[in-house]
Amino acid sequence: MSKVPLTVIGAELLRSELHNLKTVQRPAVIAAIAEARSHGDLSENAEYDAAKERQSFVEGRIVELESKLGSAQVIDPKTLNADGRCVFGATVVLEDTNNGDVMTYQIVGDDEADIKQRKISISSPIARALIGKYSGDVAEVQAPGGIREYEVVDVQYI
């Protein structure tokens, strides 16, 4: 089984979601199923069907999270010693060489990626282009509008 890279924060978020599913969502679904059963005929009971569907989703998500956490490789960016190289967990300051825009991204796991929080997935084209680069290097990224070039301004492990 391959390892799933996660930052410490990402692993904690998955653990929190798993805890919520097991301690809050699962009991609520069980109660909803019991309530729907008490209404009698299950063949035409929409509440029962909806509760069973929700139960299927919750149980599936629990299995998925347990699998990801079981195969997780948790990486703390603060303890990285990559000598200024772009690696998983690093926070990278980039400058678009076309228009001079400066942006900052952290390279994280697929489950943690959220562009609004400036977190990009390790499997995204931009992150793949950045891996291994140092401050001052230029990364070429194949974007839908053509090749974009970004200069690595700074690499931080925070």
C-alpha atoms as a PDB file:
ATOM      1  CA  MET A   1       0.000   0.000   0.000  1.00  0.00           C
ATOM      2  CA  SER A   2       1.364   3.397  -0.928  1.00  0.00           C
ATOM      3  CA  LYS A   3       1.842   6.099   1.656  1.00  0.00           C
ATOM      4  CA  VAL A   4      -0.494   9.098   1.634  1.00  0.00           C
ATOM      5  CA  PRO A   5       1.451  12.289   2.458  1.00  0.00           C
ATOM      6  CA  LEU A   6      -0.250  14.587   4.970  1.00  0.00           C
ATOM      7  CA  THR A   7       0.889  17.575   6.957  1.00  0.00           C
ATOM      8  CA  VAL A   8       0.369  17.491  10.723  1.00  0.00           C
ATOM      9  CA  ILE A   9      -2.597  19.862  10.379  1.00  0.00           C
ATOM     10  CA  GLY A  10      -4.122  17.796   7.567  1.00  0.00           C
ATOM     11  CA  ALA A  11      -3.848  14.584   9.577  1.00  0.00           C
ATOM     12  CA  GLU A  12      -5.482  16.272  12.555  1.00  0.00           C
ATOM     13  CA  LEU A  13      -8.356  17.521  10.375  1.00  0.00           C
ATOM     14  CA  LEU A  14      -8.961  13.985   9.069  1.00  0.00           C
ATOM     15  CA  ARG A  15      -8.857  12.571  12.619  1.00  0.00           C
ATOM     16  CA  SER A  16     -11.343  15.218  13.731  1.00  0.00           C
ATOM     17  CA  GLU A  17     -13.696  14.403  10.859  1.00  0.00           C
ATOM     18  CA  LEU A  18     -13.416  10.671  11.637  1.00  0.00           C
ATOM     19  CA  HIS A  19     -14.177  11.300  15.315  1.00  0.00           C
ATOM     20  CA  ASN A  20     -17.232  13.396  14.349  1.00  0.00           C
ATOM     21  CA  LEU A  21     -18.498  10.697  11.993  1.00  0.00           C
ATOM     22  CA  LYS A  22     -18.136   7.975  14.625  1.00  0.00           C
ATOM     23  CA  THR A  23     -19.426   9.848  17.661  1.00  0.00           C
ATOM     24  CA  VAL A  24     -22.025  12.238  16.201  1.00  0.00           C
ATOM     25  CA  GLN A  25     -23.073  11.286  12.676  1.00  0.00           C
ATOM     26  CA  ARG A  26     -23.255   7.504  13.087  1.00  0.00           C
ATOM     27  CA  PRO A  27     -25.461   7.601  16.232  1.00  0.00           C
ATOM     28  CA  ALA A  28     -27.706  10.237  14.606  1.00  0.00           C
ATOM     29  CA  VAL A  29     -28.201   8.032  11.550  1.00  0.00           C
ATOM     30  CA  ILE A  30     -28.960   4.996  13.717  1.00  0.00           C
ATOM     31  CA  ALA A  31     -31.572   7.029  15.603  1.00  0.00           C
ATOM     32  CA  ALA A  32     -33.079   8.261  12.314  1.00  0.00           C
ATOM     33  CA  ILE A  33     -33.352   4.689  11.030  1.00  0.00           C
ATOM     34  CA  ALA A  34     -35.015   3.571  14.260  1.00  0.00           C
ATOM     35  CA  GLU A  35     -37.462   6.478  14.070  1.00  0.00           C
ATOM     36  CA  ALA A  36     -38.306   5.714  10.441  1.00  0.00           C
ATOM     37  CA  ARG A  37     -38.846   2.018  11.256  1.00  0.00           C
ATOM     38  CA  SER A  38     -41.340   2.956  13.935  1.00  0.00           C
ATOM     39  CA  HIS A  39     -43.562   4.503  11.257  1.00  0.00           C
ATOM     40  CA  GLY A  40     -44.436   1.065   9.881  1.00  0.00           C
ATOM     41  CA  ASP A  41     -44.269  -0.121   6.275  1.00  0.00           C
ATOM     42  CA  LEU A  42     -40.664   0.273   5.059  1.00  0.00           C
ATOM     43  CA  SER A  43     -41.470  -0.301   1.371  1.00  0.00           C
ATOM     44  CA  GLU A  44     -42.953   3.185   0.934  1.00  0.00           C
ATOM     45  CA  ASN A  45     -41.065   4.976   3.687  1.00  0.00           C
ATOM     46  CA  ALA A  46     -38.996   7.851   2.236  1.00  0.00           C
ATOM     47  CA  GLU A  47     -37.535   8.734   5.653  1.00  0.00           C
ATOM     48  CA  TYR A  48     -36.210   5.186   6.020  1.00  0.00           C
ATOM     49  CA  ASP A  49     -34.694   5.228   2.517  1.00  0.00           C
ATOM     50  CA  ALA A  50     -33.026   8.593   3.159  1.00  0.00           C
ATOM     51  CA  ALA A  51     -31.643   7.442   6.525  1.00  0.00           C
ATOM     52  CA  LYS A  52     -30.252   4.229   4.979  1.00  0.00           C
ATOM     53  CA  GLU A  53     -28.639   6.258   2.191  1.00  0.00           C
ATOM     54  CA  ARG A  54     -27.085   8.604   4.747  1.00  0.00           C
ATOM     55  CA  GLN A  55     -25.858   5.609   6.742  1.00  0.00           C
ATOM     56  CA  SER A  56     -24.193   4.224   3.620  1.00  0.00           C
ATOM     57  CA  PHE A  57     -22.421   7.538   3.029  1.00  0.00           C
ATOM     58  CA  VAL A  58     -21.255   7.862   6.657  1.00  0.00           C
ATOM     59  CA  GLU A  59     -19.954   4.289   6.822  1.00  0.00           C
ATOM     60  CA  GLY A  60     -18.187   4.678   3.471  1.00  0.00           C
ATOM     61  CA  ARG A  61     -16.503   7.888   4.589  1.00  0.00           C
ATOM     62  CA  ILE A  62     -15.405   6.251   7.863  1.00  0.00           C
ATOM     63  CA  VAL A  63     -13.754   3.415   5.923  1.00  0.00           C
ATOM     64  CA  GLU A  64     -12.101   5.913   3.559  1.00  0.00           C
ATOM     65  CA  LEU A  65     -10.717   8.052   6.398  1.00  0.00           C
ATOM     66  CA  GLU A  66      -9.478   5.052   8.373  1.00  0.00           C
ATOM     67  CA  SER A  67      -7.686   3.795   5.268  1.00  0.00           C
ATOM     68  CA  LYS A  68      -6.063   7.175   4.570  1.00  0.00           C
ATOM     69  CA  LEU A  69      -4.979   7.642   8.165  1.00  0.00           C
ATOM     70  CA  GLY A  70      -3.703   4.068   8.309  1.00  0.00           C
ATOM     71  CA  SER A  71      -1.460   4.623   5.311  1.00  0.00           C
ATOM     72  CA  ALA A  72      -0.583   8.243   6.117  1.00  0.00           C
ATOM     73  CA  GLN A  73       2.933   9.556   6.166  1.00  0.00           C
ATOM     74  CA  VAL A  74       2.615  12.609   8.410  1.00  0.00           C
ATOM     75  CA  ILE A  75       5.189  15.281   7.654  1.00  0.00           C
ATOM     76  CA  ASP A  76       5.787  18.299   9.872  1.00  0.00           C
ATOM     77  CA  PRO A  77       7.034  21.181   7.705  1.00  0.00           C
ATOM     78  CA  LYS A  78       8.705  22.807  10.724  1.00  0.00           C
ATOM     79  CA  THR A  79      11.092  19.858  11.108  1.00  0.00           C
ATOM     80  CA  LEU A  80      12.068  19.644   7.428  1.00  0.00           C
ATOM     81  CA  ASN A  81      15.681  20.227   6.519  1.00  0.00           C
ATOM     82  CA  ALA A  82      15.598  20.423   2.737  1.00  0.00           C
ATOM     83  CA  ASP A  83      18.275  23.116   2.382  1.00  0.00           C
ATOM     84  CA  GLY A  84      15.931  25.603   0.716  1.00  0.00           C
ATOM     85  CA  ARG A  85      14.487  23.116  -1.779  1.00  0.00           C
ATOM     86  CA  CYS A  86      10.760  22.918  -2.606  1.00  0.00           C
ATOM     87  CA  VAL A  87       9.397  19.761  -1.002  1.00  0.00           C
ATOM     88  CA  PHE A  88       6.095  18.480   0.362  1.00  0.00           C
ATOM     89  CA  GLY A  89       4.934  20.738   3.198  1.00  0.00           C
ATOM     90  CA  ALA A  90       7.036  23.727   2.137  1.00  0.00           C
ATOM     91  CA  THR A  91       5.523  27.178   1.765  1.00  0.00           C
ATOM     92  CA  VAL A  92       6.696  28.702  -1.509  1.00  0.00           C
ATOM     93  CA  VAL A  93       6.627  32.360  -2.539  1.00  0.00           C
ATOM     94  CA  LEU A  94       6.329  32.660  -6.335  1.00  0.00           C
ATOM     95  CA  GLU A  95       6.472  35.475  -8.833  1.00  0.00           C
ATOM     96  CA  ASP A  96       4.673  35.137 -12.150  1.00  0.00           C
ATOM     97  CA  THR A  97       7.328  36.107 -14.704  1.00  0.00           C
ATOM     98  CA  ASN A  98       4.662  37.343 -17.164  1.00  0.00           C
ATOM     99  CA  ASN A  99       2.942  39.932 -14.988  1.00  0.00           C
ATOM    100  CA  GLY A 100       4.997  40.182 -11.788  1.00  0.00           C
ATOM    101  CA  ASP A 101       2.207  38.919  -9.507  1.00  0.00           C
ATOM    102  CA  VAL A 102       3.550  37.454  -6.260  1.00  0.00           C
ATOM    103  CA  MET A 103       1.718  34.580  -4.578  1.00  0.00           C
ATOM    104  CA  THR A 104       2.370  32.207  -1.695  1.00  0.00           C
ATOM    105  CA  TYR A 105       1.342  28.544  -1.594  1.00  0.00           C
ATOM    106  CA  GLN A 106       1.911  25.622   0.720  1.00  0.00           C
ATOM    107  CA  ILE A 107       2.356  22.225  -0.942  1.00  0.00           C
ATOM    108  CA  VAL A 108       0.043  19.769   0.849  1.00  0.00           C
ATOM    109  CA  GLY A 109      -1.706  16.420   0.374  1.00  0.00           C
ATOM    110  CA  ASP A 110      -4.698  15.923  -1.903  1.00  0.00           C
ATOM    111  CA  ASP A 111      -7.188  15.961   0.999  1.00  0.00           C
ATOM    112  CA  GLU A 112      -5.803  19.214   2.412  1.00  0.00           C
ATOM    113  CA  ALA A 113      -5.712  21.230  -0.813  1.00  0.00           C
ATOM    114  CA  ASP A 114      -7.759  24.430  -0.675  1.00  0.00           C
ATOM    115  CA  ILE A 115      -6.837  27.240  -3.051  1.00  0.00           C
ATOM    116  CA  LYS A 116      -8.692  29.801  -0.901  1.00  0.00           C
ATOM    117  CA  GLN A 117      -6.295  28.994   1.955  1.00  0.00           C
ATOM    118  CA  ARG A 118      -3.338  29.014  -0.458  1.00  0.00           C
ATOM    119  CA  LYS A 119      -2.778  25.254  -0.123  1.00  0.00           C
ATOM    120  CA  ILE A 120      -2.081  23.363  -3.351  1.00  0.00           C
ATOM    121  CA  SER A 121      -2.099  19.619  -3.842  1.00  0.00           C
ATOM    122  CA  ILE A 122       1.196  17.789  -4.292  1.00  0.00           C
ATOM    123  CA  SER A 123      -0.340  16.229  -7.399  1.00  0.00           C
ATOM    124  CA  SER A 124      -1.267  19.573  -9.011  1.00  0.00           C
ATOM    125  CA  PRO A 125       0.709  20.666 -12.085  1.00  0.00           C
ATOM    126  CA  ILE A 126       2.174  23.692 -10.308  1.00  0.00           C
ATOM    127  CA  ALA A 127       3.341  21.683  -7.282  1.00  0.00           C
ATOM    128  CA  ARG A 128       4.865  18.992  -9.487  1.00  0.00           C
ATOM    129  CA  ALA A 129       6.760  21.714 -11.377  1.00  0.00           C
ATOM    130  CA  LEU A 130       8.006  23.254  -8.108  1.00  0.00           C
ATOM    131  CA  ILE A 131       9.269  20.094  -6.398  1.00  0.00           C
ATOM    132  CA  GLY A 132      13.054  20.151  -6.245  1.00  0.00           C
ATOM    133  CA  LYS A 133      13.402  23.823  -7.173  1.00  0.00           C
ATOM    134  CA  TYR A 134      15.395  26.333  -5.115  1.00  0.00           C
ATOM    135  CA  SER A 135      14.969  30.060  -4.541  1.00  0.00           C
ATOM    136  CA  GLY A 136      15.840  31.831  -7.799  1.00  0.00           C
ATOM    137  CA  ASP A 137      14.849  28.869 -10.019  1.00  0.00           C
ATOM    138  CA  VAL A 138      12.111  29.194 -12.634  1.00  0.00           C
ATOM    139  CA  ALA A 139       9.377  26.558 -12.852  1.00  0.00           C
ATOM    140  CA  GLU A 140       7.450  26.014 -16.078  1.00  0.00           C
ATOM    141  CA  VAL A 141       3.842  24.959 -15.582  1.00  0.00           C
ATOM    142  CA  GLN A 142       1.595  23.631 -18.327  1.00  0.00           C
ATOM    143  CA  ALA A 143      -1.655  25.561 -17.840  1.00  0.00           C
ATOM    144  CA  PRO A 144      -4.818  25.447 -19.965  1.00  0.00           C
ATOM    145  CA  GLY A 145      -3.799  28.783 -21.534  1.00  0.00           C
ATOM    146  CA  GLY A 146      -0.273  27.595 -22.328  1.00  0.00           C
ATOM    147  CA  ILE A 147       3.002  27.371 -20.456  1.00  0.00           C
ATOM    148  CA  ARG A 148       3.334  29.714 -17.463  1.00  0.00           C
ATOM    149  CA  GLU A 149       6.639  30.516 -15.780  1.00  0.00           C
ATOM    150  CA  TYR A 150       7.018  31.180 -12.077  1.00  0.00           C
ATOM    151  CA  GLU A 151      10.197  32.244 -10.318  1.00  0.00           C
ATOM    152  CA  VAL A 152      10.706  30.787  -6.855  1.00  0.00           C
ATOM    153  CA  VAL A 153      11.289  33.833  -4.644  1.00  0.00           C
ATOM    154  CA  ASP A 154      11.494  32.055  -1.287  1.00  0.00           C
ATOM    155  CA  VAL A 155      11.003  28.602   0.250  1.00  0.00           C
ATOM    156  CA  GLN A 156       9.903  28.405   3.892  1.00  0.00           C
ATOM    157  CA  TYR A 157       9.265  25.497   6.232  1.00  0.00           C
ATOM    158  CA  ILE A 158       6.560  26.845   8.546  1.00  0.00           C
END
